[in-house]
Amino acid sequence: MPPRQDQRPLVEFPCDYQFKVFGPADPDVDFVAAVQRAAGTVMPVPRDALRVRKSREGTYLCVTLMVRLLNQQQLNAFYTALRGVPQLRYLL
């Protein structure tokens, strides 16, 4: 792929940004609470900012987190915090 000629940023701030965090749907592991705690280290995240969906087989949960980001540093901080969730399988 050729290098980008356009030097504009891929994300323009402020913006609403969506993270998708995948982990186990294990009743012994509160994955949703772990995601909320991790995100809360960057900024307060109310429960209604999270949507939860089970996989077709019920093995995994997808937690969609919608936040308002003001700058690239916040975006980086969220990715760093969410990568620290022990049960994390995928992060988009």
PDB file of N, CA and C in Angstrom:
ATOM      1  N   MET A   1       0.851  -1.161   0.000  1.00  0.00           N
ATOM      2  CA  MET A   1       0.000   0.000   0.000  1.00  0.00           C
ATOM      3  C   MET A   1       0.907   1.237   0.000  1.00  0.00           C
ATOM      4  N   PRO A   2       0.627   2.198  -0.860  1.00  0.00           N
ATOM      5  CA  PRO A   2       1.456   3.413  -0.896  1.00  0.00           C
ATOM      6  C   PRO A   2       1.216   4.272   0.351  1.00  0.00           C
ATOM      7  N   PRO A   3       2.203   5.075   0.738  1.00  0.00           N
ATOM      8  CA  PRO A   3       2.019   5.935   1.915  1.00  0.00           C
ATOM      9  C   PRO A   3       0.936   6.974   1.648  1.00  0.00           C
ATOM     10  N   ARG A   4       0.300   7.383   2.738  1.00  0.00           N
ATOM     11  CA  ARG A   4      -0.751   8.409   2.625  1.00  0.00           C
ATOM     12  C   ARG A   4      -0.140   9.736   2.215  1.00  0.00           C
ATOM     13  N   GLN A   5      -0.741  10.370   1.246  1.00  0.00           N
ATOM     14  CA  GLN A   5      -0.310  11.702   0.821  1.00  0.00           C
ATOM     15  C   GLN A   5      -0.949  12.773   1.701  1.00  0.00           C
ATOM     16  N   ASP A   6      -2.141  12.460   2.164  1.00  0.00           N
ATOM     17  CA  ASP A   6      -2.900  13.396   2.994  1.00  0.00           C
ATOM     18  C   ASP A   6      -2.423  13.264   4.437  1.00  0.00           C
ATOM     19  N   GLN A   7      -2.003  14.332   5.059  1.00  0.00           N
ATOM     20  CA  GLN A   7      -1.474  14.275   6.420  1.00  0.00           C
ATOM     21  C   GLN A   7      -2.507  14.630   7.484  1.00  0.00           C
ATOM     22  N   ARG A   8      -3.783  14.725   7.110  1.00  0.00           N
ATOM     23  CA  ARG A   8      -4.823  14.985   8.102  1.00  0.00           C
ATOM     24  C   ARG A   8      -4.931  13.798   9.049  1.00  0.00           C
ATOM     25  N   PRO A   9      -5.253  14.045  10.307  1.00  0.00           N
ATOM     26  CA  PRO A   9      -5.390  12.931  11.259  1.00  0.00           C
ATOM     27  C   PRO A   9      -6.566  12.032  10.874  1.00  0.00           C
ATOM     28  N   LEU A  10      -6.481  10.768  11.256  1.00  0.00           N
ATOM     29  CA  LEU A  10      -7.566   9.830  10.971  1.00  0.00           C
ATOM     30  C   LEU A  10      -8.797  10.112  11.828  1.00  0.00           C
ATOM     31  N   VAL A  11      -8.591  10.658  13.011  1.00  0.00           N
ATOM     32  CA  VAL A  11      -9.686  10.994  13.919  1.00  0.00           C
ATOM     33  C   VAL A  11      -9.583  12.478  14.235  1.00  0.00           C
ATOM     34  N   GLU A  12     -10.690  13.179  14.102  1.00  0.00           N
ATOM     35  CA  GLU A  12     -10.715  14.599  14.446  1.00  0.00           C
ATOM     36  C   GLU A  12     -11.409  14.775  15.791  1.00  0.00           C
ATOM     37  N   PHE A  13     -10.777  15.516  16.665  1.00  0.00           N
ATOM     38  CA  PHE A  13     -11.281  15.724  18.031  1.00  0.00           C
ATOM     39  C   PHE A  13     -11.892  17.098  18.158  1.00  0.00           C
ATOM     40  N   PRO A  14     -12.860  17.239  19.056  1.00  0.00           N
ATOM     41  CA  PRO A  14     -13.523  16.226  19.885  1.00  0.00           C
ATOM     42  C   PRO A  14     -14.422  15.350  19.016  1.00  0.00           C
ATOM     43  N   CYS A  15     -14.670  14.135  19.512  1.00  0.00           N
ATOM     44  CA  CYS A  15     -15.527  13.198  18.781  1.00  0.00           C
ATOM     45  C   CYS A  15     -16.104  12.161  19.734  1.00  0.00           C
ATOM     46  N   ASP A  16     -17.196  11.548  19.293  1.00  0.00           N
ATOM     47  CA  ASP A  16     -17.729  10.381  19.991  1.00  0.00           C
ATOM     48  C   ASP A  16     -16.984   9.188  19.429  1.00  0.00           C
ATOM     49  N   TYR A  17     -16.469   8.337  20.309  1.00  0.00           N
ATOM     50  CA  TYR A  17     -15.637   7.224  19.876  1.00  0.00           C
ATOM     51  C   TYR A  17     -16.171   5.937  20.481  1.00  0.00           C
ATOM     52  N   GLN A  18     -16.160   4.884  19.693  1.00  0.00           N
ATOM     53  CA  GLN A  18     -16.703   3.605  20.129  1.00  0.00           C
ATOM     54  C   GLN A  18     -15.590   2.563  20.223  1.00  0.00           C
ATOM     55  N   PHE A  19     -15.504   1.926  21.386  1.00  0.00           N
ATOM     56  CA  PHE A  19     -14.584   0.816  21.606  1.00  0.00           C
ATOM     57  C   PHE A  19     -15.414  -0.457  21.683  1.00  0.00           C
ATOM     58  N   LYS A  20     -14.917  -1.543  21.140  1.00  0.00           N
ATOM     59  CA  LYS A  20     -15.565  -2.844  21.281  1.00  0.00           C
ATOM     60  C   LYS A  20     -14.580  -3.754  21.990  1.00  0.00           C
ATOM     61  N   VAL A  21     -15.003  -4.242  23.141  1.00  0.00           N
ATOM     62  CA  VAL A  21     -14.146  -5.030  24.016  1.00  0.00           C
ATOM     63  C   VAL A  21     -14.774  -6.415  24.157  1.00  0.00           C
ATOM     64  N   PHE A  22     -14.013  -7.453  23.800  1.00  0.00           N
ATOM     65  CA  PHE A  22     -14.521  -8.821  23.822  1.00  0.00           C
ATOM     66  C   PHE A  22     -13.848  -9.616  24.931  1.00  0.00           C
ATOM     67  N   GLY A  23     -14.683 -10.378  25.660  1.00  0.00           N
ATOM     68  CA  GLY A  23     -14.173 -11.207  26.734  1.00  0.00           C
ATOM     69  C   GLY A  23     -15.138 -12.331  27.036  1.00  0.00           C
ATOM     70  N   PRO A  24     -14.861 -13.122  28.061  1.00  0.00           N
ATOM     71  CA  PRO A  24     -15.673 -14.306  28.359  1.00  0.00           C
ATOM     72  C   PRO A  24     -17.048 -13.947  28.919  1.00  0.00           C
ATOM     73  N   ALA A  25     -18.013 -14.788  28.601  1.00  0.00           N
ATOM     74  CA  ALA A  25     -19.365 -14.663  29.169  1.00  0.00           C
ATOM     75  C   ALA A  25     -19.482 -15.630  30.337  1.00  0.00           C
ATOM     76  N   ASP A  26     -18.491 -15.624  31.200  1.00  0.00           N
ATOM     77  CA  ASP A  26     -18.405 -16.528  32.342  1.00  0.00           C
ATOM     78  C   ASP A  26     -19.108 -15.891  33.532  1.00  0.00           C
ATOM     79  N   PRO A  27     -20.073 -16.578  34.139  1.00  0.00           N
ATOM     80  CA  PRO A  27     -20.780 -15.992  35.285  1.00  0.00           C
ATOM     81  C   PRO A  27     -19.870 -15.746  36.490  1.00  0.00           C
ATOM     82  N   ASP A  28     -18.724 -16.434  36.551  1.00  0.00           N
ATOM     83  CA  ASP A  28     -17.791 -16.238  37.662  1.00  0.00           C
ATOM     84  C   ASP A  28     -16.888 -15.029  37.455  1.00  0.00           C
ATOM     85  N   VAL A  29     -16.897 -14.469  36.256  1.00  0.00           N
ATOM     86  CA  VAL A  29     -16.049 -13.321  35.928  1.00  0.00           C
ATOM     87  C   VAL A  29     -16.963 -12.177  35.500  1.00  0.00           C
ATOM     88  N   ASP A  30     -16.915 -11.078  36.214  1.00  0.00           N
ATOM     89  CA  ASP A  30     -17.745  -9.929  35.833  1.00  0.00           C
ATOM     90  C   ASP A  30     -16.958  -9.073  34.845  1.00  0.00           C
ATOM     91  N   PHE A  31     -16.954  -9.521  33.599  1.00  0.00           N
ATOM     92  CA  PHE A  31     -16.188  -8.860  32.551  1.00  0.00           C
ATOM     93  C   PHE A  31     -16.668  -7.427  32.325  1.00  0.00           C
ATOM     94  N   VAL A  32     -17.965  -7.202  32.355  1.00  0.00           N
ATOM     95  CA  VAL A  32     -18.516  -5.863  32.121  1.00  0.00           C
ATOM     96  C   VAL A  32     -18.022  -4.892  33.195  1.00  0.00           C
ATOM     97  N   ALA A  33     -18.034  -5.316  34.440  1.00  0.00           N
ATOM     98  CA  ALA A  33     -17.549  -4.460  35.531  1.00  0.00           C
ATOM     99  C   ALA A  33     -16.060  -4.182  35.369  1.00  0.00           C
ATOM    100  N   ALA A  34     -15.294  -5.180  34.921  1.00  0.00           N
ATOM    101  CA  ALA A  34     -13.855  -4.988  34.715  1.00  0.00           C
ATOM    102  C   ALA A  34     -13.597  -3.959  33.621  1.00  0.00           C
ATOM    103  N   VAL A  35     -14.389  -4.010  32.554  1.00  0.00           N
ATOM    104  CA  VAL A  35     -14.258  -3.022  31.471  1.00  0.00           C
ATOM    105  C   VAL A  35     -14.609  -1.634  31.989  1.00  0.00           C
ATOM    106  N   GLN A  36     -15.688  -1.530  32.744  1.00  0.00           N
ATOM    107  CA  GLN A  36     -16.100  -0.228  33.282  1.00  0.00           C
ATOM    108  C   GLN A  36     -15.056   0.331  34.243  1.00  0.00           C
ATOM    109  N   ARG A  37     -14.487  -0.512  35.085  1.00  0.00           N
ATOM    110  CA  ARG A  37     -13.434  -0.059  36.005  1.00  0.00           C
ATOM    111  C   ARG A  37     -12.211   0.431  35.245  1.00  0.00           C
ATOM    112  N   ALA A  38     -11.791  -0.316  34.229  1.00  0.00           N
ATOM    113  CA  ALA A  38     -10.619   0.068  33.442  1.00  0.00           C
ATOM    114  C   ALA A  38     -10.855   1.397  32.732  1.00  0.00           C
ATOM    115  N   ALA A  39     -12.011   1.540  32.107  1.00  0.00           N
ATOM    116  CA  ALA A  39     -12.330   2.787  31.416  1.00  0.00           C
ATOM    117  C   ALA A  39     -12.432   3.942  32.411  1.00  0.00           C
ATOM    118  N   GLY A  40     -12.916   3.649  33.612  1.00  0.00           N
ATOM    119  CA  GLY A  40     -13.059   4.669  34.645  1.00  0.00           C
ATOM    120  C   GLY A  40     -11.743   5.236  35.133  1.00  0.00           C
ATOM    121  N   THR A  41     -10.642   4.568  34.844  1.00  0.00           N
ATOM    122  CA  THR A  41      -9.338   5.119  35.217  1.00  0.00           C
ATOM    123  C   THR A  41      -8.951   6.293  34.319  1.00  0.00           C
ATOM    124  N   VAL A  42      -9.603   6.397  33.164  1.00  0.00           N
ATOM    125  CA  VAL A  42      -9.330   7.502  32.235  1.00  0.00           C
ATOM    126  C   VAL A  42     -10.300   8.643  32.476  1.00  0.00           C
ATOM    127  N   MET A  43     -11.585   8.303  32.579  1.00  0.00           N
ATOM    128  CA  MET A  43     -12.627   9.290  32.881  1.00  0.00           C
ATOM    129  C   MET A  43     -13.839   8.547  33.413  1.00  0.00           C
ATOM    130  N   PRO A  44     -14.713   9.224  34.149  1.00  0.00           N
ATOM    131  CA  PRO A  44     -15.909   8.542  34.640  1.00  0.00           C
ATOM    132  C   PRO A  44     -16.755   8.033  33.464  1.00  0.00           C
ATOM    133  N   VAL A  45     -17.166   6.770  33.562  1.00  0.00           N
ATOM    134  CA  VAL A  45     -17.967   6.152  32.510  1.00  0.00           C
ATOM    135  C   VAL A  45     -19.244   5.611  33.139  1.00  0.00           C
ATOM    136  N   PRO A  46     -20.390   6.222  32.833  1.00  0.00           N
ATOM    137  CA  PRO A  46     -21.646   5.725  33.398  1.00  0.00           C
ATOM    138  C   PRO A  46     -22.026   4.382  32.775  1.00  0.00           C
ATOM    139  N   ARG A  47     -22.788   3.603  33.499  1.00  0.00           N
ATOM    140  CA  ARG A  47     -23.211   2.268  33.032  1.00  0.00           C
ATOM    141  C   ARG A  47     -23.969   2.369  31.715  1.00  0.00           C
ATOM    142  N   ASP A  48     -24.711   3.450  31.505  1.00  0.00           N
ATOM    143  CA  ASP A  48     -25.481   3.552  30.258  1.00  0.00           C
ATOM    144  C   ASP A  48     -24.599   3.880  29.039  1.00  0.00           C
ATOM    145  N   ALA A  49     -23.304   4.080  29.241  1.00  0.00           N
ATOM    146  CA  ALA A  49     -22.374   4.260  28.119  1.00  0.00           C
ATOM    147  C   ALA A  49     -21.904   2.913  27.588  1.00  0.00           C
ATOM    148  N   LEU A  50     -22.324   1.833  28.256  1.00  0.00           N
ATOM    149  CA  LEU A  50     -21.930   0.480  27.863  1.00  0.00           C
ATOM    150  C   LEU A  50     -23.137  -0.281  27.313  1.00  0.00           C
ATOM    151  N   ARG A  51     -22.907  -0.997  26.222  1.00  0.00           N
ATOM    152  CA  ARG A  51     -23.904  -1.933  25.707  1.00  0.00           C
ATOM    153  C   ARG A  51     -23.252  -3.311  25.695  1.00  0.00           C
ATOM    154  N   VAL A  52     -24.022  -4.309  26.087  1.00  0.00           N
ATOM    155  CA  VAL A  52     -23.475  -5.658  26.198  1.00  0.00           C
ATOM    156  C   VAL A  52     -24.273  -6.598  25.295  1.00  0.00           C
ATOM    157  N   ARG A  53     -23.528  -7.427  24.571  1.00  0.00           N
ATOM    158  CA  ARG A  53     -24.155  -8.404  23.686  1.00  0.00           C
ATOM    159  C   ARG A  53     -23.394  -9.716  23.792  1.00  0.00           C
ATOM    160  N   LYS A  54     -24.127 -10.837  23.876  1.00  0.00           N
ATOM    161  CA  LYS A  54     -23.498 -12.153  23.912  1.00  0.00           C
ATOM    162  C   LYS A  54     -23.258 -12.652  22.496  1.00  0.00           C
ATOM    163  N   SER A  55     -22.227 -13.488  22.352  1.00  0.00           N
ATOM    164  CA  SER A  55     -21.976 -14.132  21.069  1.00  0.00           C
ATOM    165  C   SER A  55     -23.081 -15.145  20.786  1.00  0.00           C
ATOM    166  N   ARG A  56     -23.144 -15.591  19.562  1.00  0.00           N
ATOM    167  CA  ARG A  56     -24.193 -16.528  19.154  1.00  0.00           C
ATOM    168  C   ARG A  56     -24.199 -17.783  20.036  1.00  0.00           C
ATOM    169  N   GLU A  57     -23.031 -18.303  20.346  1.00  0.00           N
ATOM    170  CA  GLU A  57     -22.947 -19.511  21.169  1.00  0.00           C
ATOM    171  C   GLU A  57     -23.003 -19.198  22.666  1.00  0.00           C
ATOM    172  N   GLY A  58     -22.968 -17.915  23.035  1.00  0.00           N
ATOM    173  CA  GLY A  58     -23.011 -17.534  24.437  1.00  0.00           C
ATOM    174  C   GLY A  58     -21.689 -17.660  25.156  1.00  0.00           C
ATOM    175  N   THR A  59     -20.614 -17.833  24.400  1.00  0.00           N
ATOM    176  CA  THR A  59     -19.294 -18.019  24.978  1.00  0.00           C
ATOM    177  C   THR A  59     -18.628 -16.702  25.342  1.00  0.00           C
ATOM    178  N   TYR A  60     -18.870 -15.680  24.543  1.00  0.00           N
ATOM    179  CA  TYR A  60     -18.206 -14.394  24.712  1.00  0.00           C
ATOM    180  C   TYR A  60     -19.214 -13.265  24.874  1.00  0.00           C
ATOM    181  N   LEU A  61     -18.718 -12.173  25.467  1.00  0.00           N
ATOM    182  CA  LEU A  61     -19.474 -10.929  25.542  1.00  0.00           C
ATOM    183  C   LEU A  61     -18.757  -9.883  24.713  1.00  0.00           C
ATOM    184  N   CYS A  62     -19.535  -9.044  24.071  1.00  0.00           N
ATOM    185  CA  CYS A  62     -18.989  -7.864  23.409  1.00  0.00           C
ATOM    186  C   CYS A  62     -19.526  -6.664  24.177  1.00  0.00           C
ATOM    187  N   VAL A  63     -18.624  -5.900  24.768  1.00  0.00           N
ATOM    188  CA  VAL A  63     -19.001  -4.689  25.488  1.00  0.00           C
ATOM    189  C   VAL A  63     -18.643  -3.517  24.582  1.00  0.00           C
ATOM    190  N   THR A  64     -19.659  -2.771  24.174  1.00  0.00           N
ATOM    191  CA  THR A  64     -19.441  -1.587  23.353  1.00  0.00           C
ATOM    192  C   THR A  64     -19.458  -0.384  24.281  1.00  0.00           C
ATOM    193  N   LEU A  65     -18.397   0.386  24.222  1.00  0.00           N
ATOM    194  CA  LEU A  65     -18.225   1.545  25.085  1.00  0.00           C
ATOM    195  C   LEU A  65     -18.194   2.797  24.216  1.00  0.00           C
ATOM    196  N   MET A  66     -19.107   3.728  24.463  1.00  0.00           N
ATOM    197  CA  MET A  66     -19.164   4.969  23.701  1.00  0.00           C
ATOM    198  C   MET A  66     -18.770   6.116  24.623  1.00  0.00           C
ATOM    199  N   VAL A  67     -17.725   6.853  24.226  1.00  0.00           N
ATOM    200  CA  VAL A  67     -17.253   7.983  25.031  1.00  0.00           C
ATOM    201  C   VAL A  67     -16.995   9.193  24.140  1.00  0.00           C
ATOM    202  N   ARG A  68     -16.977  10.337  24.739  1.00  0.00           N
ATOM    203  CA  ARG A  68     -16.646  11.594  24.054  1.00  0.00           C
ATOM    204  C   ARG A  68     -15.182  11.889  24.338  1.00  0.00           C
ATOM    205  N   LEU A  69     -14.361  11.849  23.296  1.00  0.00           N
ATOM    206  CA  LEU A  69     -12.930  12.097  23.447  1.00  0.00           C
ATOM    207  C   LEU A  69     -12.592  13.515  23.022  1.00  0.00           C
ATOM    208  N   LEU A  70     -11.683  14.127  23.760  1.00  0.00           N
ATOM    209  CA  LEU A  70     -11.274  15.495  23.464  1.00  0.00           C
ATOM    210  C   LEU A  70      -9.950  15.568  22.719  1.00  0.00           C
ATOM    211  N   ASN A  71      -9.118  14.512  22.850  1.00  0.00           N
ATOM    212  CA  ASN A  71      -7.793  14.565  22.212  1.00  0.00           C
ATOM    213  C   ASN A  71      -7.209  13.163  22.048  1.00  0.00           C
ATOM    214  N   GLN A  72      -6.091  13.092  21.356  1.00  0.00           N
ATOM    215  CA  GLN A  72      -5.413  11.830  21.078  1.00  0.00           C
ATOM    216  C   GLN A  72      -4.907  11.168  22.359  1.00  0.00           C
ATOM    217  N   GLN A  73      -4.519  11.958  23.342  1.00  0.00           N
ATOM    218  CA  GLN A  73      -4.029  11.403  24.600  1.00  0.00           C
ATOM    219  C   GLN A  73      -5.115  10.592  25.309  1.00  0.00           C
ATOM    220  N   GLN A  74      -6.350  11.069  25.271  1.00  0.00           N
ATOM    221  CA  GLN A  74      -7.446  10.312  25.872  1.00  0.00           C
ATOM    222  C   GLN A  74      -7.672   9.003  25.118  1.00  0.00           C
ATOM    223  N   LEU A  75      -7.613   9.053  23.807  1.00  0.00           N
ATOM    224  CA  LEU A  75      -7.774   7.846  23.004  1.00  0.00           C
ATOM    225  C   LEU A  75      -6.709   6.812  23.377  1.00  0.00           C
ATOM    226  N   ASN A  76      -5.467   7.239  23.428  1.00  0.00           N
ATOM    227  CA  ASN A  76      -4.372   6.344  23.805  1.00  0.00           C
ATOM    228  C   ASN A  76      -4.554   5.794  25.211  1.00  0.00           C
ATOM    229  N   ALA A  77      -4.998   6.653  26.137  1.00  0.00           N
ATOM    230  CA  ALA A  77      -5.193   6.234  27.521  1.00  0.00           C
ATOM    231  C   ALA A  77      -6.284   5.170  27.629  1.00  0.00           C
ATOM    232  N   PHE A  78      -7.361   5.302  26.858  1.00  0.00           N
ATOM    233  CA  PHE A  78      -8.418   4.295  26.873  1.00  0.00           C
ATOM    234  C   PHE A  78      -7.895   2.960  26.360  1.00  0.00           C
ATOM    235  N   TYR A  79      -7.175   2.979  25.240  1.00  0.00           N
ATOM    236  CA  TYR A  79      -6.638   1.724  24.711  1.00  0.00           C
ATOM    237  C   TYR A  79      -5.691   1.069  25.717  1.00  0.00           C
ATOM    238  N   THR A  80      -4.860   1.852  26.358  1.00  0.00           N
ATOM    239  CA  THR A  80      -3.928   1.306  27.359  1.00  0.00           C
ATOM    240  C   THR A  80      -4.695   0.695  28.530  1.00  0.00           C
ATOM    241  N   ALA A  81      -5.685   1.413  29.035  1.00  0.00           N
ATOM    242  CA  ALA A  81      -6.467   0.923  30.177  1.00  0.00           C
ATOM    243  C   ALA A  81      -7.240  -0.342  29.823  1.00  0.00           C
ATOM    244  N   LEU A  82      -7.882  -0.350  28.659  1.00  0.00           N
ATOM    245  CA  LEU A  82      -8.687  -1.508  28.275  1.00  0.00           C
ATOM    246  C   LEU A  82      -7.824  -2.732  27.986  1.00  0.00           C
ATOM    247  N   ARG A  83      -6.614  -2.523  27.475  1.00  0.00           N
ATOM    248  CA  ARG A  83      -5.706  -3.657  27.253  1.00  0.00           C
ATOM    249  C   ARG A  83      -5.305  -4.312  28.572  1.00  0.00           C
ATOM    250  N   GLY A  84      -5.469  -3.595  29.679  1.00  0.00           N
ATOM    251  CA  GLY A  84      -5.112  -4.126  30.985  1.00  0.00           C
ATOM    252  C   GLY A  84      -6.180  -5.001  31.624  1.00  0.00           C
ATOM    253  N   VAL A  85      -7.348  -5.137  31.000  1.00  0.00           N
ATOM    254  CA  VAL A  85      -8.400  -6.000  31.540  1.00  0.00           C
ATOM    255  C   VAL A  85      -7.922  -7.449  31.395  1.00  0.00           C
ATOM    256  N   PRO A  86      -7.786  -8.182  32.515  1.00  0.00           N
ATOM    257  CA  PRO A  86      -7.181  -9.527  32.456  1.00  0.00           C
ATOM    258  C   PRO A  86      -7.896 -10.500  31.524  1.00  0.00           C
ATOM    259  N   GLN A  87      -9.214 -10.435  31.430  1.00  0.00           N
ATOM    260  CA  GLN A  87      -9.972 -11.406  30.644  1.00  0.00           C
ATOM    261  C   GLN A  87     -10.121 -10.998  29.175  1.00  0.00           C
ATOM    262  N   LEU A  88      -9.505  -9.916  28.775  1.00  0.00           N
ATOM    263  CA  LEU A  88      -9.653  -9.385  27.414  1.00  0.00           C
ATOM    264  C   LEU A  88      -9.251 -10.420  26.361  1.00  0.00           C
ATOM    265  N   ARG A  89     -10.098 -10.569  25.342  1.00  0.00           N
ATOM    266  CA  ARG A  89      -9.772 -11.443  24.205  1.00  0.00           C
ATOM    267  C   ARG A  89      -9.456 -10.609  22.961  1.00  0.00           C
ATOM    268  N   TYR A  90     -10.287  -9.597  22.678  1.00  0.00           N
ATOM    269  CA  TYR A  90     -10.090  -8.713  21.518  1.00  0.00           C
ATOM    270  C   TYR A  90     -10.492  -7.306  21.905  1.00  0.00           C
ATOM    271  N   LEU A  91      -9.853  -6.347  21.255  1.00  0.00           N
ATOM    272  CA  LEU A  91     -10.174  -4.933  21.477  1.00  0.00           C
ATOM    273  C   LEU A  91     -10.162  -4.229  20.121  1.00  0.00           C
ATOM    274  N   LEU A  92     -11.276  -3.649  19.778  1.00  0.00           N
ATOM    275  CA  LEU A  92     -11.394  -2.894  18.531  1.00  0.00           C
ATOM    276  C   LEU A  92     -11.730  -1.454  18.832  1.00  0.00           C
TER     277      LEU A  92
END
